[in-house]
């Protein structure tokens, strides 16, 4: 499966060793969006591409990267789309099957909300940190071997119809979940296989990557 790792300028939530180990195991292309360069610089990682107006990347760094083979895509400061979305528009024309975002959470609230909202237009997006994974669910999805992990489901459309949850602390059967409702906040996976099914709508999953504190050894 061809993966693109998209490095943004938000917080790297969690510990530095987590991200060091993550990038050591990366099987895919690392594509950096402007200010995300500070994260890669601290981790001593060369991206395949650097995107943006480059107002947050020191000239010495992107010049060094360019000499080392990084392809630079520079845009004017004043533009109709964020640097991140310009990269996403390019990815739509490529063959990457997974788009994994690092550094897309935290930081400015407007950036955080805008980034998450981009899942509506670009459903391949997955936001990853040591603490959590955030992604839009397909209409049929099974979580495997994640017992005792906390999870919330957030409607990203006016409504999510015929929503059924099986294998969770709080299950549902053919429920219509409306935008703004918090019924599916703070659930827990209990079974080895926990399934989600719905007929229509957009449903965002926020999965905690660690077990609940009460269940830790």
C-alpha atoms as a PDB file:
ATOM      1  CA  UNK A   1       0.000   0.000   0.000  1.00  0.00           C
ATOM      2  CA  UNK A   2       1.469   3.340  -1.079  1.00  0.00           C
ATOM      3  CA  UNK A   3       1.529   5.873   1.774  1.00  0.00           C
ATOM      4  CA  UNK A   4       2.209   9.587   1.964  1.00  0.00           C
ATOM      5  CA  UNK A   5       3.283  11.051   5.313  1.00  0.00           C
ATOM      6  CA  UNK A   6       2.305  14.719   5.432  1.00  0.00           C
ATOM      7  CA  UNK A   7       4.271  16.768   7.970  1.00  0.00           C
ATOM      8  CA  UNK A   8       2.565  19.941   9.230  1.00  0.00           C
ATOM      9  CA  UNK A   9       3.477  22.745  11.623  1.00  0.00           C
ATOM     10  CA  UNK A  10       1.172  21.751  14.504  1.00  0.00           C
ATOM     11  CA  UNK A  11       2.091  20.065  17.749  1.00  0.00           C
ATOM     12  CA  UNK A  12       3.832  16.709  17.799  1.00  0.00           C
ATOM     13  CA  UNK A  13       1.628  15.447  20.603  1.00  0.00           C
ATOM     14  CA  UNK A  14       3.460  12.899  22.700  1.00  0.00           C
ATOM     15  CA  UNK A  15       7.119  12.028  23.166  1.00  0.00           C
ATOM     16  CA  UNK A  16       9.995  12.585  20.766  1.00  0.00           C
ATOM     17  CA  UNK A  17      11.040   8.883  20.893  1.00  0.00           C
ATOM     18  CA  UNK A  18       7.615   7.928  19.482  1.00  0.00           C
ATOM     19  CA  UNK A  19       8.205  10.014  16.363  1.00  0.00           C
ATOM     20  CA  UNK A  20      11.822   8.887  16.042  1.00  0.00           C
ATOM     21  CA  UNK A  21      10.673   5.260  16.013  1.00  0.00           C
ATOM     22  CA  UNK A  22       7.779   6.067  13.689  1.00  0.00           C
ATOM     23  CA  UNK A  23      10.018   7.613  11.039  1.00  0.00           C
ATOM     24  CA  UNK A  24      12.542   4.791  11.339  1.00  0.00           C
ATOM     25  CA  UNK A  25       9.765   2.417  10.269  1.00  0.00           C
ATOM     26  CA  UNK A  26       8.187   4.657   7.620  1.00  0.00           C
ATOM     27  CA  UNK A  27       7.324   2.874   4.386  1.00  0.00           C
ATOM     28  CA  UNK A  28       6.213   5.695   2.146  1.00  0.00           C
ATOM     29  CA  UNK A  29       7.067   9.200   1.019  1.00  0.00           C
ATOM     30  CA  UNK A  30       7.571  12.070   3.460  1.00  0.00           C
ATOM     31  CA  UNK A  31       6.012  15.290   2.152  1.00  0.00           C
ATOM     32  CA  UNK A  32       6.528  18.419   4.243  1.00  0.00           C
ATOM     33  CA  UNK A  33       4.310  21.508   4.435  1.00  0.00           C
ATOM     34  CA  UNK A  34       6.360  24.641   5.162  1.00  0.00           C
ATOM     35  CA  UNK A  35       6.547  24.992   8.979  1.00  0.00           C
ATOM     36  CA  UNK A  36       6.584  21.225   9.404  1.00  0.00           C
ATOM     37  CA  UNK A  37      10.215  21.569   8.386  1.00  0.00           C
ATOM     38  CA  UNK A  38      11.117  22.389  12.002  1.00  0.00           C
ATOM     39  CA  UNK A  39       9.915  18.945  13.087  1.00  0.00           C
ATOM     40  CA  UNK A  40      11.879  17.157  10.379  1.00  0.00           C
ATOM     41  CA  UNK A  41      14.950  19.257  11.085  1.00  0.00           C
ATOM     42  CA  UNK A  42      14.888  18.264  14.769  1.00  0.00           C
ATOM     43  CA  UNK A  43      14.470  14.612  13.750  1.00  0.00           C
ATOM     44  CA  UNK A  44      17.221  14.860  11.088  1.00  0.00           C
ATOM     45  CA  UNK A  45      14.906  13.681   8.314  1.00  0.00           C
ATOM     46  CA  UNK A  46      15.019  14.724   4.661  1.00  0.00           C
ATOM     47  CA  UNK A  47      11.569  14.945   3.005  1.00  0.00           C
ATOM     48  CA  UNK A  48      10.884  14.002  -0.585  1.00  0.00           C
ATOM     49  CA  UNK A  49       9.012  17.279  -1.155  1.00  0.00           C
ATOM     50  CA  UNK A  50       8.583  20.652   0.577  1.00  0.00           C
ATOM     51  CA  UNK A  51       5.385  22.651  -0.086  1.00  0.00           C
ATOM     52  CA  UNK A  52       4.273  26.181   0.753  1.00  0.00           C
ATOM     53  CA  UNK A  53       5.155  29.847   0.692  1.00  0.00           C
ATOM     54  CA  UNK A  54       8.210  28.951   2.819  1.00  0.00           C
ATOM     55  CA  UNK A  55       7.726  31.865   5.209  1.00  0.00           C
ATOM     56  CA  UNK A  56       8.221  29.449   8.120  1.00  0.00           C
ATOM     57  CA  UNK A  57      11.223  27.562   6.731  1.00  0.00           C
ATOM     58  CA  UNK A  58      14.698  29.149   6.952  1.00  0.00           C
ATOM     59  CA  UNK A  59      16.159  29.704   3.459  1.00  0.00           C
ATOM     60  CA  UNK A  60      19.323  27.908   4.534  1.00  0.00           C
ATOM     61  CA  UNK A  61      17.299  24.789   5.335  1.00  0.00           C
ATOM     62  CA  UNK A  62      15.242  24.522   2.148  1.00  0.00           C
ATOM     63  CA  UNK A  63      18.339  25.339   0.083  1.00  0.00           C
ATOM     64  CA  UNK A  64      20.198  22.537   1.872  1.00  0.00           C
ATOM     65  CA  UNK A  65      17.315  20.121   1.336  1.00  0.00           C
ATOM     66  CA  UNK A  66      17.056  21.055  -2.337  1.00  0.00           C
ATOM     67  CA  UNK A  67      20.735  20.233  -2.832  1.00  0.00           C
ATOM     68  CA  UNK A  68      20.106  16.868  -1.154  1.00  0.00           C
ATOM     69  CA  UNK A  69      17.311  16.005  -3.602  1.00  0.00           C
ATOM     70  CA  UNK A  70      14.165  17.422  -1.964  1.00  0.00           C
ATOM     71  CA  UNK A  71      11.759  18.855  -4.552  1.00  0.00           C
ATOM     72  CA  UNK A  72      10.532  22.357  -3.641  1.00  0.00           C
ATOM     73  CA  UNK A  73       7.025  23.598  -4.510  1.00  0.00           C
ATOM     74  CA  UNK A  74       6.932  27.293  -3.635  1.00  0.00           C
ATOM     75  CA  UNK A  75       3.787  29.449  -3.691  1.00  0.00           C
ATOM     76  CA  UNK A  76       3.046  33.137  -3.012  1.00  0.00           C
ATOM     77  CA  UNK A  77       2.094  34.166   0.517  1.00  0.00           C
ATOM     78  CA  UNK A  78      -1.272  35.508  -0.694  1.00  0.00           C
ATOM     79  CA  UNK A  79      -3.309  32.663  -2.170  1.00  0.00           C
ATOM     80  CA  UNK A  80      -6.781  31.114  -2.074  1.00  0.00           C
ATOM     81  CA  UNK A  81      -5.782  27.878  -0.324  1.00  0.00           C
ATOM     82  CA  UNK A  82      -3.586  26.940   2.609  1.00  0.00           C
ATOM     83  CA  UNK A  83      -0.225  25.340   1.906  1.00  0.00           C
ATOM     84  CA  UNK A  84      -1.676  22.091   3.248  1.00  0.00           C
ATOM     85  CA  UNK A  85      -4.627  22.066   0.868  1.00  0.00           C
ATOM     86  CA  UNK A  86      -2.396  22.836  -2.112  1.00  0.00           C
ATOM     87  CA  UNK A  87      -0.514  19.641  -1.295  1.00  0.00           C
ATOM     88  CA  UNK A  88      -3.786  17.719  -0.922  1.00  0.00           C
ATOM     89  CA  UNK A  89      -4.946  18.914  -4.335  1.00  0.00           C
ATOM     90  CA  UNK A  90      -1.759  17.472  -5.778  1.00  0.00           C
ATOM     91  CA  UNK A  91      -2.213  14.174  -3.931  1.00  0.00           C
ATOM     92  CA  UNK A  92      -5.619  13.689  -5.529  1.00  0.00           C
ATOM     93  CA  UNK A  93      -3.836  13.240  -8.847  1.00  0.00           C
ATOM     94  CA  UNK A  94      -1.391  10.675  -7.462  1.00  0.00           C
ATOM     95  CA  UNK A  95      -1.621   7.029  -6.490  1.00  0.00           C
ATOM     96  CA  UNK A  96      -1.169   7.247  -2.711  1.00  0.00           C
ATOM     97  CA  UNK A  97      -3.745   5.089  -0.935  1.00  0.00           C
ATOM     98  CA  UNK A  98      -3.145   6.461   2.571  1.00  0.00           C
ATOM     99  CA  UNK A  99      -2.487  10.070   3.569  1.00  0.00           C
ATOM    100  CA  UNK A 100      -1.110  10.138   7.122  1.00  0.00           C
ATOM    101  CA  UNK A 101      -0.818  13.577   8.723  1.00  0.00           C
ATOM    102  CA  UNK A 102       1.791  14.258  11.413  1.00  0.00           C
ATOM    103  CA  UNK A 103       1.711  17.608  13.218  1.00  0.00           C
ATOM    104  CA  UNK A 104      -1.819  18.409  12.071  1.00  0.00           C
ATOM    105  CA  UNK A 105      -3.271  18.719  15.583  1.00  0.00           C
ATOM    106  CA  UNK A 106      -2.841  21.375  18.252  1.00  0.00           C
ATOM    107  CA  UNK A 107      -1.469  24.834  17.633  1.00  0.00           C
ATOM    108  CA  UNK A 108      -3.858  27.554  16.448  1.00  0.00           C
ATOM    109  CA  UNK A 109      -7.525  26.629  16.824  1.00  0.00           C
ATOM    110  CA  UNK A 110      -8.432  27.909  13.355  1.00  0.00           C
ATOM    111  CA  UNK A 111      -5.751  25.711  11.783  1.00  0.00           C
ATOM    112  CA  UNK A 112      -6.871  22.698  13.807  1.00  0.00           C
ATOM    113  CA  UNK A 113     -10.529  23.053  12.807  1.00  0.00           C
ATOM    114  CA  UNK A 114      -9.675  23.782   9.175  1.00  0.00           C
ATOM    115  CA  UNK A 115      -7.409  20.747   9.011  1.00  0.00           C
ATOM    116  CA  UNK A 116     -10.035  18.390  10.425  1.00  0.00           C
ATOM    117  CA  UNK A 117     -12.703  19.828   8.143  1.00  0.00           C
ATOM    118  CA  UNK A 118     -10.540  18.938   5.138  1.00  0.00           C
ATOM    119  CA  UNK A 119     -11.449  15.296   5.829  1.00  0.00           C
ATOM    120  CA  UNK A 120     -14.792  16.069   4.189  1.00  0.00           C
ATOM    121  CA  UNK A 121     -13.138  16.884   0.854  1.00  0.00           C
ATOM    122  CA  UNK A 122     -10.208  14.505   1.236  1.00  0.00           C
ATOM    123  CA  UNK A 123     -11.483  11.354   2.997  1.00  0.00           C
ATOM    124  CA  UNK A 124      -8.129   9.552   2.749  1.00  0.00           C
ATOM    125  CA  UNK A 125      -6.724  11.829   5.460  1.00  0.00           C
ATOM    126  CA  UNK A 126      -5.656  10.254   8.758  1.00  0.00           C
ATOM    127  CA  UNK A 127      -4.360  12.467  11.561  1.00  0.00           C
ATOM    128  CA  UNK A 128      -1.846  10.652  13.740  1.00  0.00           C
ATOM    129  CA  UNK A 129      -0.085  11.457  17.001  1.00  0.00           C
ATOM    130  CA  UNK A 130       1.202   9.336  19.855  1.00  0.00           C
ATOM    131  CA  UNK A 131      -2.013  10.145  21.710  1.00  0.00           C
ATOM    132  CA  UNK A 132      -4.692   9.581  19.079  1.00  0.00           C
ATOM    133  CA  UNK A 133      -5.710   8.747  15.529  1.00  0.00           C
ATOM    134  CA  UNK A 134      -8.453  10.727  13.759  1.00  0.00           C
ATOM    135  CA  UNK A 135     -10.076   9.722  10.484  1.00  0.00           C
ATOM    136  CA  UNK A 136     -13.356   9.488   8.591  1.00  0.00           C
ATOM    137  CA  UNK A 137     -14.915   6.053   8.714  1.00  0.00           C
ATOM    138  CA  UNK A 138     -16.221   4.142   5.711  1.00  0.00           C
ATOM    139  CA  UNK A 139     -19.772   2.816   6.036  1.00  0.00           C
ATOM    140  CA  UNK A 140     -18.483  -0.528   7.283  1.00  0.00           C
ATOM    141  CA  UNK A 141     -15.436  -0.678   9.536  1.00  0.00           C
ATOM    142  CA  UNK A 142     -13.975  -3.098  12.085  1.00  0.00           C
ATOM    143  CA  UNK A 143     -11.513  -2.159  14.838  1.00  0.00           C
ATOM    144  CA  UNK A 144      -9.322  -5.146  15.686  1.00  0.00           C
ATOM    145  CA  UNK A 145      -7.331  -5.936  18.848  1.00  0.00           C
ATOM    146  CA  UNK A 146      -7.920  -2.516  20.425  1.00  0.00           C
ATOM    147  CA  UNK A 147      -9.720  -3.577  23.598  1.00  0.00           C
ATOM    148  CA  UNK A 148      -9.885  -0.927  26.350  1.00  0.00           C
ATOM    149  CA  UNK A 149      -9.022   1.932  24.002  1.00  0.00           C
ATOM    150  CA  UNK A 150     -11.232   5.005  24.285  1.00  0.00           C
ATOM    151  CA  UNK A 151     -12.994   6.209  21.163  1.00  0.00           C
ATOM    152  CA  UNK A 152     -15.466   8.908  20.160  1.00  0.00           C
ATOM    153  CA  UNK A 153     -17.585   9.228  17.027  1.00  0.00           C
ATOM    154  CA  UNK A 154     -18.444  12.700  15.730  1.00  0.00           C
ATOM    155  CA  UNK A 155     -20.995  13.329  12.961  1.00  0.00           C
ATOM    156  CA  UNK A 156     -19.457  15.473  10.217  1.00  0.00           C
ATOM    157  CA  UNK A 157     -22.647  15.671   8.176  1.00  0.00           C
ATOM    158  CA  UNK A 158     -26.155  16.840   9.056  1.00  0.00           C
ATOM    159  CA  UNK A 159     -26.908  13.301  10.168  1.00  0.00           C
ATOM    160  CA  UNK A 160     -25.478   9.791  10.134  1.00  0.00           C
ATOM    161  CA  UNK A 161     -28.269   7.303   9.521  1.00  0.00           C
ATOM    162  CA  UNK A 162     -28.752   3.728  10.749  1.00  0.00           C
ATOM    163  CA  UNK A 163     -25.619   3.850  12.889  1.00  0.00           C
ATOM    164  CA  UNK A 164     -24.861   0.557  14.615  1.00  0.00           C
ATOM    165  CA  UNK A 165     -22.012  -0.121  17.034  1.00  0.00           C
ATOM    166  CA  UNK A 166     -21.094  -3.629  18.190  1.00  0.00           C
ATOM    167  CA  UNK A 167     -18.293  -4.624  20.544  1.00  0.00           C
ATOM    168  CA  UNK A 168     -18.163  -1.331  22.447  1.00  0.00           C
ATOM    169  CA  UNK A 169     -19.070  -0.372  26.014  1.00  0.00           C
ATOM    170  CA  UNK A 170     -22.035   1.529  24.590  1.00  0.00           C
ATOM    171  CA  UNK A 171     -23.540  -0.166  21.555  1.00  0.00           C
ATOM    172  CA  UNK A 172     -26.140   1.204  19.157  1.00  0.00           C
ATOM    173  CA  UNK A 173     -28.612  -0.289  16.728  1.00  0.00           C
ATOM    174  CA  UNK A 174     -29.757   1.587  13.605  1.00  0.00           C
ATOM    175  CA  UNK A 175     -29.588   4.983  15.338  1.00  0.00           C
ATOM    176  CA  UNK A 176     -29.704   8.342  13.547  1.00  0.00           C
ATOM    177  CA  UNK A 177     -26.925  10.526  14.939  1.00  0.00           C
ATOM    178  CA  UNK A 178     -27.352  14.227  14.198  1.00  0.00           C
ATOM    179  CA  UNK A 179     -24.659  16.860  13.869  1.00  0.00           C
ATOM    180  CA  UNK A 180     -23.970  18.529  17.219  1.00  0.00           C
ATOM    181  CA  UNK A 181     -25.064  15.542  19.307  1.00  0.00           C
ATOM    182  CA  UNK A 182     -22.570  14.078  21.785  1.00  0.00           C
ATOM    183  CA  UNK A 183     -24.185  10.662  22.252  1.00  0.00           C
ATOM    184  CA  UNK A 184     -21.141   8.867  20.834  1.00  0.00           C
ATOM    185  CA  UNK A 185     -18.516  10.765  22.813  1.00  0.00           C
ATOM    186  CA  UNK A 186     -16.343   8.797  25.252  1.00  0.00           C
ATOM    187  CA  UNK A 187     -17.002   5.185  24.269  1.00  0.00           C
ATOM    188  CA  UNK A 188     -14.637   2.252  24.878  1.00  0.00           C
ATOM    189  CA  UNK A 189     -13.753  -0.730  22.698  1.00  0.00           C
ATOM    190  CA  UNK A 190     -14.420  -3.975  24.596  1.00  0.00           C
ATOM    191  CA  UNK A 191     -14.240  -6.787  22.047  1.00  0.00           C
ATOM    192  CA  UNK A 192     -11.366  -8.038  19.907  1.00  0.00           C
ATOM    193  CA  UNK A 193     -13.452  -7.066  16.895  1.00  0.00           C
ATOM    194  CA  UNK A 194     -15.635  -3.967  17.271  1.00  0.00           C
ATOM    195  CA  UNK A 195     -17.707  -2.977  14.255  1.00  0.00           C
ATOM    196  CA  UNK A 196     -19.264   0.245  12.984  1.00  0.00           C
ATOM    197  CA  UNK A 197     -21.994   0.319  10.342  1.00  0.00           C
ATOM    198  CA  UNK A 198     -24.084   3.166   8.959  1.00  0.00           C
ATOM    199  CA  UNK A 199     -26.038   3.886   5.785  1.00  0.00           C
ATOM    200  CA  UNK A 200     -25.520   7.565   4.985  1.00  0.00           C
ATOM    201  CA  UNK A 201     -23.454  10.471   6.290  1.00  0.00           C
ATOM    202  CA  UNK A 202     -19.923  11.328   7.384  1.00  0.00           C
ATOM    203  CA  UNK A 203     -18.624   9.956  10.683  1.00  0.00           C
ATOM    204  CA  UNK A 204     -15.301  10.964  12.235  1.00  0.00           C
ATOM    205  CA  UNK A 205     -13.523   8.575  14.611  1.00  0.00           C
ATOM    206  CA  UNK A 206     -11.224   9.877  17.366  1.00  0.00           C
ATOM    207  CA  UNK A 207      -9.321   6.862  18.670  1.00  0.00           C
ATOM    208  CA  UNK A 208      -7.054   7.093  21.702  1.00  0.00           C
ATOM    209  CA  UNK A 209      -3.865   5.181  20.957  1.00  0.00           C
ATOM    210  CA  UNK A 210      -3.335   4.105  24.562  1.00  0.00           C
ATOM    211  CA  UNK A 211      -5.531   2.069  26.858  1.00  0.00           C
ATOM    212  CA  UNK A 212      -7.524   3.859  29.537  1.00  0.00           C
ATOM    213  CA  UNK A 213      -5.515   4.688  32.657  1.00  0.00           C
ATOM    214  CA  UNK A 214      -7.645   2.386  34.783  1.00  0.00           C
ATOM    215  CA  UNK A 215      -6.728  -0.561  32.569  1.00  0.00           C
ATOM    216  CA  UNK A 216      -2.980  -0.001  32.374  1.00  0.00           C
ATOM    217  CA  UNK A 217      -0.722  -2.539  34.022  1.00  0.00           C
END
